[in-house]
PDB file of N, CA and C in Angstrom:
ATOM      1  N   UNK A   1       0.846  -1.157  -0.001  1.00  0.00           N
ATOM      2  CA  UNK A   1       0.004   0.000  -0.003  1.00  0.00           C
ATOM      3  C   UNK A   1       0.895   1.240   0.000  1.00  0.00           C
ATOM      4  N   UNK A   2       0.785   2.057  -1.040  1.00  0.00           N
ATOM      5  CA  UNK A   2       1.579   3.274  -1.103  1.00  0.00           C
ATOM      6  C   UNK A   2       0.752   4.447  -0.582  1.00  0.00           C
ATOM      7  N   UNK A   3       1.433   5.280   0.115  1.00  0.00           N
ATOM      8  CA  UNK A   3       0.765   6.430   0.703  1.00  0.00           C
ATOM      9  C   UNK A   3       1.311   7.685   0.029  1.00  0.00           C
ATOM     10  N   UNK A   4       0.422   8.442  -0.628  1.00  0.00           N
ATOM     11  CA  UNK A   4       0.856   9.670  -1.250  1.00  0.00           C
ATOM     12  C   UNK A   4       0.977  10.764  -0.200  1.00  0.00           C
ATOM     13  N   UNK A   5       2.087  11.467  -0.247  1.00  0.00           N
ATOM     14  CA  UNK A   5       2.317  12.529   0.715  1.00  0.00           C
ATOM     15  C   UNK A   5       2.078  13.877   0.042  1.00  0.00           C
ATOM     16  N   UNK A   6       1.304  14.713   0.693  1.00  0.00           N
ATOM     17  CA  UNK A   6       1.144  16.071   0.217  1.00  0.00           C
ATOM     18  C   UNK A   6       2.416  16.830   0.578  1.00  0.00           C
ATOM     19  N   UNK A   7       2.884  17.653  -0.351  1.00  0.00           N
ATOM     20  CA  UNK A   7       4.074  18.416   0.000  1.00  0.00           C
ATOM     21  C   UNK A   7       3.769  19.366   1.156  1.00  0.00           C
ATOM     22  N   UNK A   8       4.647  19.345   2.140  1.00  0.00           N
ATOM     23  CA  UNK A   8       4.451  20.207   3.303  1.00  0.00           C
ATOM     24  C   UNK A   8       4.805  21.643   2.928  1.00  0.00           C
ATOM     25  N   UNK A   9       3.952  22.559   3.344  1.00  0.00           N
ATOM     26  CA  UNK A   9       4.280  23.967   3.157  1.00  0.00           C
ATOM     27  C   UNK A   9       5.280  24.362   4.221  1.00  0.00           C
ATOM     28  N   UNK A  10       6.235  25.208   3.847  1.00  0.00           N
ATOM     29  CA  UNK A  10       7.232  25.604   4.841  1.00  0.00           C
ATOM     30  C   UNK A  10       6.604  26.425   5.961  1.00  0.00           C
ATOM     31  N   UNK A  11       7.062  26.192   7.161  1.00  0.00           N
ATOM     32  CA  UNK A  11       6.587  26.950   8.312  1.00  0.00           C
ATOM     33  C   UNK A  11       7.273  28.307   8.381  1.00  0.00           C
ATOM     34  N   UNK A  12       6.952  29.067   9.405  1.00  0.00           N
ATOM     35  CA  UNK A  12       7.514  30.419   9.533  1.00  0.00           C
ATOM     36  C   UNK A  12       9.025  30.372   9.718  1.00  0.00           C
ATOM     37  N   UNK A  13       9.516  29.375  10.431  1.00  0.00           N
ATOM     38  CA  UNK A  13      10.965  29.241  10.627  1.00  0.00           C
ATOM     39  C   UNK A  13      11.688  28.968   9.309  1.00  0.00           C
ATOM     40  N   UNK A  14      11.140  28.059   8.528  1.00  0.00           N
ATOM     41  CA  UNK A  14      11.744  27.750   7.230  1.00  0.00           C
ATOM     42  C   UNK A  14      11.674  28.951   6.297  1.00  0.00           C
ATOM     43  N   UNK A  15      10.576  29.693   6.372  1.00  0.00           N
ATOM     44  CA  UNK A  15      10.419  30.890   5.548  1.00  0.00           C
ATOM     45  C   UNK A  15      11.477  31.925   5.901  1.00  0.00           C
ATOM     46  N   UNK A  16      11.664  32.167   7.193  1.00  0.00           N
ATOM     47  CA  UNK A  16      12.667  33.147   7.636  1.00  0.00           C
ATOM     48  C   UNK A  16      14.069  32.690   7.237  1.00  0.00           C
ATOM     49  N   UNK A  17      14.385  31.409   7.436  1.00  0.00           N
ATOM     50  CA  UNK A  17      15.706  30.886   7.049  1.00  0.00           C
ATOM     51  C   UNK A  17      15.943  31.050   5.556  1.00  0.00           C
ATOM     52  N   UNK A  18      14.938  30.768   4.752  1.00  0.00           N
ATOM     53  CA  UNK A  18      15.078  30.899   3.309  1.00  0.00           C
ATOM     54  C   UNK A  18      15.302  32.331   2.881  1.00  0.00           C
ATOM     55  N   UNK A  19      14.564  33.253   3.497  1.00  0.00           N
ATOM     56  CA  UNK A  19      14.719  34.669   3.163  1.00  0.00           C
ATOM     57  C   UNK A  19      16.104  35.172   3.560  1.00  0.00           C
ATOM     58  N   UNK A  20      16.560  34.815   4.767  1.00  0.00           N
ATOM     59  CA  UNK A  20      17.878  35.257   5.199  1.00  0.00           C
ATOM     60  C   UNK A  20      18.983  34.640   4.344  1.00  0.00           C
ATOM     61  N   UNK A  21      18.860  33.362   4.018  1.00  0.00           N
ATOM     62  CA  UNK A  21      19.859  32.700   3.193  1.00  0.00           C
ATOM     63  C   UNK A  21      19.899  33.321   1.800  1.00  0.00           C
ATOM     64  N   UNK A  22      18.760  33.618   1.248  1.00  0.00           N
ATOM     65  CA  UNK A  22      18.712  34.240  -0.076  1.00  0.00           C
ATOM     66  C   UNK A  22      19.271  35.661  -0.023  1.00  0.00           C
ATOM     67  N   UNK A  23      19.024  36.366   1.061  1.00  0.00           N
ATOM     68  CA  UNK A  23      19.490  37.752   1.187  1.00  0.00           C
ATOM     69  C   UNK A  23      21.015  37.834   1.221  1.00  0.00           C
ATOM     70  N   UNK A  24      21.659  36.869   1.857  1.00  0.00           N
ATOM     71  CA  UNK A  24      23.118  36.916   1.911  1.00  0.00           C
ATOM     72  C   UNK A  24      23.761  36.036   0.842  1.00  0.00           C
ATOM     73  N   UNK A  25      22.948  35.354   0.041  1.00  0.00           N
ATOM     74  CA  UNK A  25      23.465  34.615  -1.100  1.00  0.00           C
ATOM     75  C   UNK A  25      24.006  33.233  -0.820  1.00  0.00           C
ATOM     76  N   UNK A  26      23.500  32.560   0.194  1.00  0.00           N
ATOM     77  CA  UNK A  26      23.997  31.228   0.528  1.00  0.00           C
ATOM     78  C   UNK A  26      22.907  30.165   0.435  1.00  0.00           C
ATOM     79  N   UNK A  27      21.848  30.437  -0.283  1.00  0.00           N
ATOM     80  CA  UNK A  27      20.740  29.475  -0.436  1.00  0.00           C
ATOM     81  C   UNK A  27      21.188  28.301  -1.283  1.00  0.00           C
ATOM     82  N   UNK A  28      20.965  27.079  -0.810  1.00  0.00           N
ATOM     83  CA  UNK A  28      21.345  25.902  -1.581  1.00  0.00           C
ATOM     84  C   UNK A  28      20.315  25.665  -2.692  1.00  0.00           C
ATOM     85  N   UNK A  29      20.742  24.972  -3.736  1.00  0.00           N
ATOM     86  CA  UNK A  29      19.832  24.662  -4.832  1.00  0.00           C
ATOM     87  C   UNK A  29      18.664  23.824  -4.364  1.00  0.00           C
ATOM     88  N   UNK A  30      18.935  22.889  -3.459  1.00  0.00           N
ATOM     89  CA  UNK A  30      17.861  22.030  -2.939  1.00  0.00           C
ATOM     90  C   UNK A  30      16.799  22.856  -2.233  1.00  0.00           C
ATOM     91  N   UNK A  31      17.221  23.767  -1.355  1.00  0.00           N
ATOM     92  CA  UNK A  31      16.260  24.600  -0.641  1.00  0.00           C
ATOM     93  C   UNK A  31      15.535  25.560  -1.567  1.00  0.00           C
ATOM     94  N   UNK A  32      16.249  26.107  -2.538  1.00  0.00           N
ATOM     95  CA  UNK A  32      15.633  27.026  -3.489  1.00  0.00           C
ATOM     96  C   UNK A  32      14.555  26.318  -4.295  1.00  0.00           C
ATOM     97  N   UNK A  33      14.830  25.127  -4.777  1.00  0.00           N
ATOM     98  CA  UNK A  33      13.843  24.359  -5.523  1.00  0.00           C
ATOM     99  C   UNK A  33      12.645  24.008  -4.641  1.00  0.00           C
ATOM    100  N   UNK A  34      12.903  23.645  -3.400  1.00  0.00           N
ATOM    101  CA  UNK A  34      11.823  23.329  -2.470  1.00  0.00           C
ATOM    102  C   UNK A  34      10.952  24.557  -2.230  1.00  0.00           C
ATOM    103  N   UNK A  35      11.575  25.725  -2.091  1.00  0.00           N
ATOM    104  CA  UNK A  35      10.828  26.957  -1.892  1.00  0.00           C
ATOM    105  C   UNK A  35       9.925  27.247  -3.093  1.00  0.00           C
ATOM    106  N   UNK A  36      10.465  27.092  -4.301  1.00  0.00           N
ATOM    107  CA  UNK A  36       9.686  27.375  -5.506  1.00  0.00           C
ATOM    108  C   UNK A  36       8.562  26.366  -5.706  1.00  0.00           C
ATOM    109  N   UNK A  37       8.792  25.121  -5.310  1.00  0.00           N
ATOM    110  CA  UNK A  37       7.772  24.087  -5.526  1.00  0.00           C
ATOM    111  C   UNK A  37       6.704  24.058  -4.439  1.00  0.00           C
ATOM    112  N   UNK A  38       7.074  24.358  -3.201  1.00  0.00           N
ATOM    113  CA  UNK A  38       6.139  24.188  -2.097  1.00  0.00           C
ATOM    114  C   UNK A  38       5.753  25.494  -1.414  1.00  0.00           C
ATOM    115  N   UNK A  39       6.518  26.533  -1.626  1.00  0.00           N
ATOM    116  CA  UNK A  39       6.267  27.772  -0.905  1.00  0.00           C
ATOM    117  C   UNK A  39       5.232  28.652  -1.569  1.00  0.00           C
ATOM    118  N   UNK A  40       4.713  29.574  -0.798  1.00  0.00           N
ATOM    119  CA  UNK A  40       3.753  30.561  -1.289  1.00  0.00           C
ATOM    120  C   UNK A  40       4.537  31.792  -1.738  1.00  0.00           C
ATOM    121  N   UNK A  41       4.470  32.143  -3.008  1.00  0.00           N
ATOM    122  CA  UNK A  41       5.265  33.287  -3.504  1.00  0.00           C
ATOM    123  C   UNK A  41       4.969  34.590  -2.746  1.00  0.00           C
ATOM    124  N   UNK A  42       3.717  34.798  -2.388  1.00  0.00           N
ATOM    125  CA  UNK A  42       3.352  36.016  -1.680  1.00  0.00           C
ATOM    126  C   UNK A  42       4.068  36.102  -0.332  1.00  0.00           C
ATOM    127  N   UNK A  43       4.199  34.991   0.354  1.00  0.00           N
ATOM    128  CA  UNK A  43       4.891  34.981   1.650  1.00  0.00           C
ATOM    129  C   UNK A  43       6.357  35.372   1.487  1.00  0.00           C
ATOM    130  N   UNK A  44       7.001  34.866   0.429  1.00  0.00           N
ATOM    131  CA  UNK A  44       8.406  35.193   0.209  1.00  0.00           C
ATOM    132  C   UNK A  44       8.565  36.657  -0.214  1.00  0.00           C
ATOM    133  N   UNK A  45       7.642  37.170  -1.011  1.00  0.00           N
ATOM    134  CA  UNK A  45       7.712  38.558  -1.443  1.00  0.00           C
ATOM    135  C   UNK A  45       7.532  39.485  -0.248  1.00  0.00           C
ATOM    136  N   UNK A  46       6.508  39.244   0.559  1.00  0.00           N
ATOM    137  CA  UNK A  46       6.279  40.069   1.747  1.00  0.00           C
ATOM    138  C   UNK A  46       7.436  39.946   2.726  1.00  0.00           C
ATOM    139  N   UNK A  47       7.935  38.751   2.914  1.00  0.00           N
ATOM    140  CA  UNK A  47       9.080  38.544   3.806  1.00  0.00           C
ATOM    141  C   UNK A  47      10.320  39.286   3.309  1.00  0.00           C
ATOM    142  N   UNK A  48      10.513  39.302   2.005  1.00  0.00           N
ATOM    143  CA  UNK A  48      11.630  40.052   1.423  1.00  0.00           C
ATOM    144  C   UNK A  48      11.504  41.548   1.670  1.00  0.00           C
ATOM    145  N   UNK A  49      10.292  42.074   1.520  1.00  0.00           N
ATOM    146  CA  UNK A  49      10.066  43.495   1.792  1.00  0.00           C
ATOM    147  C   UNK A  49      10.289  43.816   3.268  1.00  0.00           C
ATOM    148  N   UNK A  50       9.797  42.972   4.146  1.00  0.00           N
ATOM    149  CA  UNK A  50       9.985  43.191   5.582  1.00  0.00           C
ATOM    150  C   UNK A  50      11.473  43.136   5.938  1.00  0.00           C
ATOM    151  N   UNK A  51      12.175  42.138   5.412  1.00  0.00           N
ATOM    152  CA  UNK A  51      13.616  42.035   5.679  1.00  0.00           C
ATOM    153  C   UNK A  51      14.346  43.268   5.186  1.00  0.00           C
ATOM    154  N   UNK A  52      14.026  43.721   3.972  1.00  0.00           N
ATOM    155  CA  UNK A  52      14.689  44.886   3.401  1.00  0.00           C
ATOM    156  C   UNK A  52      14.418  46.127   4.245  1.00  0.00           C
ATOM    157  N   UNK A  53      13.171  46.324   4.661  1.00  0.00           N
ATOM    158  CA  UNK A  53      12.841  47.470   5.501  1.00  0.00           C
ATOM    159  C   UNK A  53      13.604  47.430   6.820  1.00  0.00           C
ATOM    160  N   UNK A  54      13.615  46.253   7.465  1.00  0.00           N
ATOM    161  CA  UNK A  54      14.320  46.130   8.741  1.00  0.00           C
ATOM    162  C   UNK A  54      15.830  46.319   8.576  1.00  0.00           C
ATOM    163  N   UNK A  55      16.383  45.831   7.496  1.00  0.00           N
ATOM    164  CA  UNK A  55      17.815  45.999   7.235  1.00  0.00           C
ATOM    165  C   UNK A  55      18.165  47.474   7.068  1.00  0.00           C
ATOM    166  N   UNK A  56      17.390  48.184   6.240  1.00  0.00           N
ATOM    167  CA  UNK A  56      17.641  49.610   6.023  1.00  0.00           C
ATOM    168  C   UNK A  56      17.443  50.402   7.313  1.00  0.00           C
ATOM    169  N   UNK A  57      16.397  50.094   8.063  1.00  0.00           N
ATOM    170  CA  UNK A  57      16.162  50.786   9.330  1.00  0.00           C
ATOM    171  C   UNK A  57      17.294  50.548  10.317  1.00  0.00           C
ATOM    172  N   UNK A  58      17.815  49.339  10.366  1.00  0.00           N
ATOM    173  CA  UNK A  58      18.927  49.020  11.254  1.00  0.00           C
ATOM    174  C   UNK A  58      20.178  49.797  10.871  1.00  0.00           C
ATOM    175  N   UNK A  59      20.505  49.799   9.575  1.00  0.00           N
ATOM    176  CA  UNK A  59      21.690  50.532   9.110  1.00  0.00           C
ATOM    177  C   UNK A  59      21.534  52.018   9.392  1.00  0.00           C
ATOM    178  N   UNK A  60      20.341  52.590   9.116  1.00  0.00           N
ATOM    179  CA  UNK A  60      20.093  54.021   9.356  1.00  0.00           C
ATOM    180  C   UNK A  60      20.215  54.341  10.847  1.00  0.00           C
ATOM    181  N   UNK A  61      19.743  53.467  11.709  1.00  0.00           N
ATOM    182  CA  UNK A  61      19.841  53.686  13.157  1.00  0.00           C
ATOM    183  C   UNK A  61      21.294  53.662  13.609  1.00  0.00           C
ATOM    184  N   UNK A  62      22.044  52.679  13.129  1.00  0.00           N
ATOM    185  CA  UNK A  62      23.464  52.568  13.502  1.00  0.00           C
ATOM    186  C   UNK A  62      24.220  53.815  13.037  1.00  0.00           C
ATOM    187  N   UNK A  63      24.001  54.234  11.813  1.00  0.00           N
ATOM    188  CA  UNK A  63      24.682  55.425  11.284  1.00  0.00           C
ATOM    189  C   UNK A  63      24.277  56.657  12.084  1.00  0.00           C
ATOM    190  N   UNK A  64      22.988  56.769  12.403  1.00  0.00           N
ATOM    191  CA  UNK A  64      22.520  57.903  13.206  1.00  0.00           C
ATOM    192  C   UNK A  64      23.168  57.941  14.570  1.00  0.00           C
ATOM    193  N   UNK A  65      23.272  56.788  15.216  1.00  0.00           N
ATOM    194  CA  UNK A  65      23.919  56.726  16.528  1.00  0.00           C
ATOM    195  C   UNK A  65      25.400  57.089  16.450  1.00  0.00           C
ATOM    196  N   UNK A  66      26.070  56.616  15.435  1.00  0.00           N
ATOM    197  CA  UNK A  66      27.498  56.927  15.275  1.00  0.00           C
ATOM    198  C   UNK A  66      27.700  58.407  15.016  1.00  0.00           C
ATOM    199  N   UNK A  67      26.885  58.985  14.156  1.00  0.00           N
ATOM    200  CA  UNK A  67      27.055  60.391  13.829  1.00  0.00           C
ATOM    201  C   UNK A  67      26.641  61.310  14.978  1.00  0.00           C
ATOM    202  N   UNK A  68      25.693  60.889  15.799  1.00  0.00           N
ATOM    203  CA  UNK A  68      25.269  61.726  16.926  1.00  0.00           C
ATOM    204  C   UNK A  68      26.283  61.746  18.051  1.00  0.00           C
ATOM    205  N   UNK A  69      27.174  60.773  18.109  1.00  0.00           N
ATOM    206  CA  UNK A  69      28.183  60.729  19.143  1.00  0.00           C
ATOM    207  C   UNK A  69      29.419  61.568  18.822  1.00  0.00           C
ATOM    208  N   UNK A  70      29.499  62.076  17.632  1.00  0.00           N
ATOM    209  CA  UNK A  70      30.676  62.891  17.237  1.00  0.00           C
ATOM    210  C   UNK A  70      30.453  64.335  17.515  1.00  0.00           C
TER     211      UNK A  70
END
């Protein structure tokens, strides 16, 4: 008796790991293919925007703190 398995959708942890790995350029081909086959594109797009916003806000805050101390 064979049991067909539905592809599991990635959880929030896997989504965050994939976005961070893609952002710094270390995403493996296996994970990238899994993301494209099983992931929700909207979740990755929104996650990418959130990551980008947080990254820019962090850099701006650090620069602001450094410049205010001089």
